[in-house]
Protein backbone atom coordinates (compact mmCIF):
# COMPACT_ATOMS: atom_id res chain seq x y z
CA MET A 1 0.66 -19.68 -7.51
CA THR A 2 3.83 -17.60 -7.71
CA PHE A 3 4.66 -16.26 -11.17
CA THR A 4 7.33 -13.70 -10.29
CA THR A 5 9.53 -13.03 -7.28
CA ARG A 6 11.96 -10.16 -6.86
CA SER A 7 13.90 -10.58 -3.64
CA VAL A 8 15.95 -8.16 -1.53
CA PRO A 9 17.87 -10.36 0.94
CA TRP A 10 18.96 -8.55 4.08
CA ASP A 11 22.12 -9.11 6.10
CA LYS A 12 22.54 -6.54 8.86
CA ALA A 13 26.25 -7.33 9.11
CA SER A 14 27.05 -6.43 5.49
CA HIS A 15 24.27 -4.06 4.37
CA SER A 16 23.81 -0.42 5.28
CA ARG A 17 20.64 0.34 7.21
CA GLU A 18 20.06 3.24 4.85
CA LEU A 19 19.05 0.65 2.25
CA LEU A 20 15.88 -0.07 4.23
CA LEU A 21 14.97 3.62 4.18
CA ALA A 22 15.78 4.12 0.49
CA ARG A 23 13.95 1.12 -1.02
CA GLU A 24 10.20 1.59 -1.37
CA TRP A 25 7.11 -0.43 -2.28
CA LEU A 26 3.69 0.44 -3.74
CA VAL A 27 0.34 -1.38 -3.88
CA THR A 28 -2.71 0.11 -5.62
CA ASN A 29 -6.43 -0.66 -5.61
CA GLY A 30 -7.61 0.21 -9.13
CA LEU A 31 -9.47 3.31 -7.90
CA GLY A 32 -6.52 5.66 -7.58
CA GLY A 33 -5.94 4.72 -3.93
CA PHE A 34 -2.79 3.03 -2.72
CA ALA A 35 -0.52 1.94 0.10
CA SER A 36 3.18 2.78 0.00
CA GLY A 37 6.22 3.00 2.23
CA THR A 38 9.80 1.92 2.78
CA ILE A 39 11.03 -1.60 3.42
CA SER A 40 11.90 -0.53 6.98
CA GLY A 41 8.35 0.58 7.75
CA ALA A 42 9.36 4.21 8.32
CA ILE A 43 7.37 6.87 6.48
CA THR A 44 9.70 9.20 4.59
CA ARG A 45 7.38 10.90 2.06
CA ARG A 46 4.18 12.88 2.54
CA TYR A 47 2.19 10.29 0.58
CA HIS A 48 3.50 7.25 2.44
CA GLY A 49 0.88 5.34 4.39
CA LEU A 50 -0.99 2.07 4.69
CA LEU A 51 -4.20 3.54 3.27
CA ILE A 52 -4.32 6.50 0.93
CA ALA A 53 -7.99 6.27 0.02
CA ALA A 54 -9.39 7.50 -3.30
CA LEU A 55 -12.52 9.34 -2.21
CA PRO A 56 -15.15 11.16 -4.29
CA ALA A 57 -14.77 14.90 -4.90
CA PRO A 58 -14.06 17.21 -3.25
CA HIS A 59 -11.75 15.06 -1.12
CA GLY A 60 -9.68 13.11 -3.66
CA ARG A 61 -6.80 11.02 -2.35
CA MET A 62 -6.63 11.22 1.44
CA VAL A 63 -4.03 9.79 3.81
CA MET A 64 -6.34 7.89 6.17
CA TRP A 65 -3.88 5.50 7.85
CA SER A 66 -0.28 6.61 8.16
CA HIS A 67 1.63 4.02 10.17
CA VAL A 68 1.51 0.98 12.42
CA SER A 69 4.02 0.13 15.16
CA GLU A 70 4.61 -3.63 15.49
CA PHE A 71 5.79 -5.48 18.59
CA LEU A 72 6.32 -9.10 19.60
CA ARG A 73 5.94 -9.50 23.36
CA PHE A 74 7.50 -12.74 24.62
CA ALA A 75 7.28 -11.65 28.28
CA ASP A 76 6.57 -8.48 30.25
CA ASP A 77 10.20 -7.41 29.99
CA ASP A 78 10.98 -9.09 26.66
CA VAL A 79 9.59 -7.05 23.76
CA VAL A 80 10.88 -6.97 20.18
CA SER A 81 10.07 -4.07 17.84
CA LEU A 82 9.71 -4.86 14.14
CA GLY A 83 8.78 -1.39 12.95
CA ALA A 84 10.67 1.81 12.25
CA GLU A 85 10.22 5.52 12.75
CA GLU A 86 12.32 8.67 12.70
CA ARG A 87 11.71 11.52 15.13
CA ALA A 88 13.14 15.00 15.48
CA GLY A 89 16.53 15.33 17.14
CA GLY A 90 18.11 12.42 15.29
CA GLN A 91 15.97 9.72 16.91
CA LEU A 92 15.95 6.88 14.37
CA ASN A 93 14.46 3.56 15.43
CA LEU A 94 15.12 0.81 12.89
CA GLY A 95 14.09 -2.23 14.88
CA ALA A 96 13.26 -4.03 11.64
CA ALA A 97 16.93 -4.05 10.63
CA ASP A 98 17.84 -6.44 13.45
CA TYR A 99 15.30 -9.10 12.49
CA LEU A 100 14.49 -8.69 8.81
CA HIS A 101 15.65 -11.69 6.78
CA GLU A 102 14.19 -10.88 3.37
CA PHE A 103 11.91 -8.48 1.55
CA ARG A 104 10.41 -9.59 -1.74
CA LEU A 105 7.78 -8.69 -4.30
CA GLU A 106 5.74 -11.83 -4.88
CA ASN A 107 3.56 -11.43 -7.97
CA GLY A 108 4.12 -7.71 -7.47
CA LEU A 109 2.93 -7.67 -3.84
CA PRO A 110 5.23 -6.86 -0.88
CA VAL A 111 6.21 -9.62 1.57
CA TRP A 112 8.54 -9.34 4.58
CA THR A 113 10.14 -12.30 6.39
CA TYR A 114 11.50 -11.78 9.91
CA HIS A 115 13.64 -14.16 11.95
CA VAL A 116 13.27 -13.53 15.69
CA ARG A 117 15.14 -16.23 17.63
CA ASP A 118 13.48 -19.49 16.54
CA LEU A 119 10.42 -17.65 15.22
CA VAL A 120 9.87 -17.07 11.49
CA LEU A 121 7.21 -14.41 10.87
CA GLU A 122 5.85 -13.34 7.49
CA LYS A 123 4.06 -10.05 6.80
CA ARG A 124 2.07 -9.13 3.69
CA VAL A 125 0.32 -5.93 2.59
CA LEU A 126 -2.67 -6.39 0.31
CA MET A 127 -5.20 -3.91 -1.09
CA LEU A 128 -8.53 -5.24 -2.29
CA HIS A 129 -9.24 -4.46 -5.93
CA LEU A 130 -11.70 -1.57 -6.40
CA GLN A 131 -11.97 -1.02 -2.64
CA ASN A 132 -10.39 1.44 -0.25
CA THR A 133 -9.45 -1.49 1.98
CA VAL A 134 -6.02 -2.70 3.09
CA HIS A 135 -5.09 -5.94 4.86
CA VAL A 136 -1.79 -6.19 6.75
CA ILE A 137 -1.39 -9.92 7.37
CA TYR A 138 0.99 -11.56 9.86
CA ARG A 139 1.64 -15.29 9.73
CA ILE A 140 3.93 -17.47 11.87
CA LEU A 141 5.73 -19.97 9.64
CA GLU A 142 7.98 -21.58 12.27
CA GLY A 143 8.66 -21.30 15.98
CA VAL A 144 7.99 -23.01 19.28
CA LYS A 145 7.75 -20.04 21.65
CA ARG A 146 4.87 -17.89 20.44
CA PRO A 147 4.67 -14.20 21.41
CA ARG A 148 1.81 -11.78 21.80
CA LEU A 149 1.47 -9.60 18.71
CA GLU A 150 0.84 -5.93 19.51
CA LEU A 151 -0.08 -3.37 16.85
CA ARG A 152 -0.47 0.39 17.43
CA PRO A 153 -2.00 2.15 14.39
CA ALA A 154 -1.42 5.89 13.95
CA PHE A 155 -3.29 8.48 11.89
CA PHE A 156 -3.27 12.05 10.62
CA PHE A 157 -6.07 12.66 8.11
CA ARG A 158 -4.94 14.97 5.31
CA HIS A 159 -4.83 15.26 1.53
CA TYR A 160 -1.92 13.23 0.18
CA GLU A 161 -0.28 16.31 -1.36
CA SER A 162 -0.68 18.49 1.74
CA PRO A 163 2.38 19.32 3.84
CA VAL A 164 2.93 16.82 6.64
CA ASN A 165 2.22 19.48 9.27
CA GLU A 166 -1.17 20.41 7.78
CA GLY A 167 -4.34 18.36 8.07
CA LEU A 168 -7.07 17.47 10.54
CA PRO A 169 -5.39 17.47 13.95
CA ALA A 170 -6.29 15.26 16.89
CA PRO A 171 -8.37 14.54 18.82
CA TYR A 172 -10.36 12.27 16.57
CA ARG A 173 -13.48 10.42 17.64
CA LEU A 174 -13.14 6.70 18.44
CA SER A 175 -16.26 4.53 18.27
CA ALA A 176 -16.45 0.81 19.05
CA ILE A 177 -19.05 -1.87 18.34
CA GLU A 178 -17.96 -5.35 19.40
CA ASP A 179 -14.68 -5.99 17.50
CA ARG A 180 -15.15 -3.09 15.07
CA TYR A 181 -13.64 0.36 15.57
CA GLU A 182 -14.11 3.63 13.74
CA ILE A 183 -11.86 6.70 13.71
CA SER A 184 -13.61 9.85 12.53
CA ALA A 185 -12.90 13.56 12.23
CA PRO A 186 -16.10 15.43 13.14
CA ASP A 187 -17.36 18.05 10.67
CA SER A 188 -14.76 17.06 8.05
CA GLY A 189 -17.14 15.36 5.63
CA LEU A 190 -14.74 12.41 5.46
CA PRO A 191 -15.93 8.83 5.95
CA PRO A 192 -14.58 7.23 9.12
CA LEU A 193 -11.59 4.93 8.98
CA ARG A 194 -12.94 1.54 9.96
CA ILE A 195 -10.39 -0.78 11.52
CA LYS A 196 -10.38 -4.24 13.09
CA LEU A 197 -8.07 -7.13 13.90
CA ALA A 198 -9.18 -10.25 12.05
CA ASN A 199 -8.72 -12.74 14.86
CA ASP A 200 -11.47 -13.95 17.19
CA ARG A 201 -9.15 -13.69 20.21
CA ALA A 202 -7.96 -10.14 19.52
CA GLN A 203 -8.39 -7.35 22.05
CA PHE A 204 -8.01 -3.58 21.96
CA THR A 205 -6.70 -1.30 24.69
CA VAL A 206 -7.74 2.35 24.56
CA LEU A 207 -4.58 4.32 25.29
CA PRO A 208 -4.53 7.55 23.24
CA GLN A 209 -1.14 8.94 22.35
CA ILE A 210 0.19 11.78 20.20
CA ILE A 211 3.39 10.78 18.42
CA HIS A 212 5.24 14.07 18.18
CA GLN A 213 7.61 15.34 15.49
CA VAL A 214 7.72 12.41 13.10
CA VAL A 215 10.38 13.17 10.48
CA TYR A 216 9.74 12.62 6.76
CA ARG A 217 13.32 12.63 5.50
CA ILE A 218 12.58 12.81 1.76
CA GLU A 219 10.45 15.91 2.32
CA GLN A 220 13.32 17.37 4.36
CA SER A 221 15.82 16.72 1.57
CA ARG A 222 13.55 18.60 -0.85
CA GLY A 223 13.16 21.64 1.37
CA TYR A 224 9.51 21.04 2.30
CA ALA A 225 7.88 20.85 5.72
CA TYR A 226 9.14 17.57 7.17
CA GLU A 227 7.91 17.25 10.77
CA GLY A 228 4.37 16.28 11.69
CA ASN A 229 2.41 14.62 14.47
CA LEU A 230 0.45 11.37 14.37
CA TRP A 231 -2.34 10.28 16.70
CA SER A 232 -2.97 6.76 17.97
CA PRO A 233 -6.12 5.68 19.86
CA GLY A 234 -4.48 2.64 21.47
CA PHE A 235 -3.25 -0.79 20.44
CA PHE A 236 -4.53 -4.18 19.34
CA TYR A 237 -3.05 -7.35 20.73
CA VAL A 238 -3.54 -11.06 20.20
CA ASP A 239 -1.87 -14.09 21.72
CA MET A 240 -0.35 -16.15 18.89
CA GLN A 241 -0.05 -19.34 20.96
CA GLU A 242 -3.07 -20.94 19.31
CA ARG A 243 -3.17 -18.96 16.07
CA ASN A 244 -0.68 -18.84 13.21
CA MET A 245 -2.28 -15.83 11.54
CA ALA A 246 -3.56 -12.38 12.45
CA ALA A 247 -4.44 -9.42 10.23
CA ILE A 248 -5.24 -5.78 10.84
CA ILE A 249 -7.72 -4.35 8.33
CA GLY A 250 -8.27 -0.67 7.59
CA SER A 251 -10.93 0.70 5.24
CA THR A 252 -13.23 3.58 4.38
CA GLU A 253 -15.83 1.14 3.00
CA GLU A 254 -18.96 0.11 4.88
CA TRP A 255 -18.67 -2.80 7.31
CA GLY A 256 -20.87 -4.97 5.11
CA ILE A 257 -18.28 -4.67 2.33
CA ILE A 258 -15.25 -5.02 4.62
CA ASN A 259 -16.51 -8.28 6.13
CA VAL A 260 -17.19 -10.01 2.81
CA LEU A 261 -13.62 -11.30 2.47
CA VAL A 262 -11.55 -12.59 5.37
CA PRO A 263 -7.76 -12.17 4.87
CA ASP A 264 -7.13 -15.65 3.40
CA ALA A 265 -10.03 -15.21 0.97
CA ALA A 266 -8.76 -11.73 0.04
CA VAL A 267 -5.31 -13.14 -0.76
CA ALA A 268 -6.85 -15.94 -2.85
CA ALA A 269 -9.05 -13.47 -4.76
CA GLU A 270 -6.10 -11.21 -5.60
CA GLU A 271 -3.97 -14.18 -6.68
CA GLU A 272 -6.79 -15.30 -8.97
CA ARG A 273 -7.13 -11.78 -10.42
CA ARG A 274 -3.41 -11.61 -11.15
CA ALA A 275 -3.40 -15.08 -12.70
CA LYS A 276 -6.20 -14.00 -15.07
CA MET A 277 -4.20 -10.89 -15.91
CA LEU A 278 -1.29 -13.04 -17.08
CA ASP A 279 -3.64 -15.34 -19.00
CA ASP A 280 -4.61 -12.29 -21.08
CA ALA A 281 -0.97 -11.43 -21.76
CA LEU A 282 1.27 -12.82 -24.48
CA PRO A 283 2.83 -16.20 -23.59
CA GLU A 284 6.25 -14.51 -23.45
CA ALA A 285 4.97 -12.13 -20.74
CA ARG A 286 3.68 -14.72 -18.29
CA ARG A 287 6.87 -15.41 -16.37
CA GLY A 288 9.89 -13.57 -15.04
CA PHE A 289 10.61 -9.94 -15.78
CA PRO A 290 7.91 -9.50 -18.48
CA ALA A 291 5.30 -10.69 -15.96
CA GLU A 292 6.65 -8.12 -13.49
CA LEU A 293 5.96 -5.44 -16.12
CA VAL A 294 2.40 -6.71 -16.51
CA PHE A 295 1.84 -6.39 -12.76
CA ALA A 296 3.55 -2.99 -12.71
CA GLY A 297 1.33 -1.76 -15.55
CA ASP A 298 -1.75 -2.87 -13.62
CA GLN A 299 -0.80 -0.40 -10.86
CA PHE A 300 -1.50 2.47 -13.28
CA ILE A 301 -4.92 1.36 -14.52
CA ILE A 302 -7.73 2.91 -12.50
CA THR A 303 -11.43 3.54 -12.42
CA PRO A 304 -11.43 7.06 -10.92
CA ALA A 305 -13.49 7.24 -7.74
CA GLY A 306 -14.33 10.91 -8.01
CA ARG A 307 -14.91 11.51 -11.73
CA ALA A 308 -18.54 10.51 -12.10
CA GLU A 309 -19.21 12.91 -14.99
CA GLU A 310 -16.23 11.70 -17.02
CA ALA A 311 -17.15 8.07 -16.37
CA ALA A 312 -20.75 8.69 -17.44
CA ARG A 313 -19.62 10.28 -20.72
CA ALA A 314 -17.19 7.44 -21.44
CA HIS A 315 -19.75 4.73 -20.67
CA ALA A 316 -22.41 6.44 -22.79
CA ALA A 317 -20.00 6.51 -25.73
CA GLY A 318 -19.10 2.84 -25.30
CA ASP A 319 -15.57 3.86 -24.39
CA GLU A 320 -15.20 1.85 -21.21
CA VAL A 321 -13.01 -0.86 -22.78
CA ARG A 322 -9.37 -0.27 -21.92
CA ARG A 323 -6.83 -1.46 -24.44
CA PHE A 324 -3.24 -1.04 -25.48
CA ARG A 325 -2.70 -1.38 -29.24
CA TRP A 326 0.71 -2.77 -30.15
CA ARG A 327 1.24 -2.95 -33.91
CA ASP A 328 4.29 -5.05 -33.21
CA SER A 329 3.04 -7.50 -30.61
CA HIS A 330 6.56 -8.60 -29.65
CA SER A 331 7.67 -5.18 -28.39
CA LEU A 332 6.75 -3.82 -25.00
CA PRO A 333 7.25 -0.10 -24.29
CA VAL A 334 7.52 1.06 -20.69
CA ALA A 335 6.29 4.55 -19.91
CA LEU A 336 6.33 6.92 -16.95
CA TRP A 337 3.95 9.77 -16.21
CA LYS A 338 5.79 13.03 -15.60
CA ARG A 339 3.11 14.45 -13.31
CA ASP A 340 0.11 12.48 -12.06
CA ILE A 341 1.18 8.84 -11.72
CA PHE A 342 -2.40 7.63 -12.08
CA CYS A 343 -4.52 7.95 -15.20
CA ALA A 344 -7.79 6.73 -16.65
CA PRO A 345 -6.76 4.45 -19.54
CA SER A 346 -10.34 4.23 -20.78
CA LEU A 347 -9.82 7.77 -22.08
CA ILE A 348 -6.60 7.19 -24.04
CA THR A 349 -5.06 4.92 -26.63
CA PHE A 350 -1.39 4.04 -26.94
CA ALA A 351 0.10 3.07 -30.29
CA MET A 352 3.58 2.16 -31.50
CA ASP A 353 4.60 1.80 -35.13
CA SER A 354 6.28 -1.30 -36.52
CA SER A 355 9.69 0.37 -36.71
CA GLN A 356 9.73 0.57 -32.87
CA THR A 357 10.91 4.17 -33.16
CA CYS A 358 7.63 6.02 -32.72
CA PHE A 359 5.52 5.99 -29.57
CA ARG A 360 2.57 8.29 -29.29
CA MET A 361 -0.39 8.89 -27.05
CA GLU A 362 -3.72 9.94 -28.48
CA LYS A 363 -6.03 12.29 -26.60
CA ARG A 364 -9.59 11.10 -26.85
CA LYS A 365 -12.97 12.83 -26.57
CA GLY A 366 -11.55 16.11 -25.35
CA PHE A 367 -10.04 14.86 -22.10
CA ILE A 368 -6.78 16.45 -21.00
CA ILE A 369 -4.06 13.84 -20.54
CA PRO A 370 -0.76 14.56 -18.74
CA PRO A 371 2.33 14.33 -20.96
CA MET A 372 4.08 10.99 -21.13
CA GLN A 373 7.79 10.30 -21.32
CA LEU A 374 9.12 7.07 -22.81
CA PHE A 375 12.12 5.64 -21.03
CA GLY A 376 12.68 2.21 -22.54
CA PHE A 377 11.75 -0.64 -24.85
CA PHE A 378 11.92 -4.33 -24.13
CA THR A 379 11.89 -6.50 -27.25
CA ARG A 380 11.97 -10.21 -27.80
């Protein structure tokens, strides 16, 4: 069920292509991990990627999967690129701009619709709640002539705050068991990135490639290191003639966990979770813009993956229940962290007085909480 939709229609004739590089999306997993990027698919910030995993200390948030190049092959000499990347020397490939019809947030989750000739293709990015697992799902909605879908994932393992030219360089180790593949960095202590294409007719071609001098333009504008390399082990491909759906899955979880939910079941589970979230909200916050704020607030609520000692203290004190106390239940404050955008709400309490002029944050049980800045109220 769709509760909220925020659409960004795209018309290449009247819109600047810079719009696709400037607008960004974010999906989180409730652990402190996330996926983020631009509408175009290009990575412009150091923390952009399809899987920034929240790993236990000492690793923290790690960029485990940076990018995927997407192609529709109608014939040997007829290939359409849906992705985007920027390379040194002014090389900017925005293939998505020629075929993108619409980008929208559906119940807070990103959805792209592409029109390629008579083909209508939909793409979704979904993170499983409380897992370091991401599904990138492709579905053909219309079209007679079906192409072969080709996907080339690219990686550069590093901490999400590290400069884009610092990390664990290639070569990585590629392991394969049937339709399951693992990318690992020997002697790093990191779990492998486990990756597969969820389609029984999918195949993988080993064709290693270093993608040189990828430009992160936001880092460049801020005066930071802005060129880095990515490494790709090869590409997945699947003939879409007999299948309407394919999904590429990346995760740092064990295979037994990854295989529990196929893509359709993962989508259904997340829709059910979000529906329950709105059921717990005030009736006025279950549709439209207030519902968008509920989904946005959920992005900031986490169970930290690497803070076992803090979690143990909180659980022992019966402090695991997360709550927001509004003394005036018809007012909804919206807040923004100045520093770390993720927090552990089980350790804090928010309160607002009935005059709607005072908003404070209480520090609880000795934990240090980053300062908060209020930037708006929405009242009924």
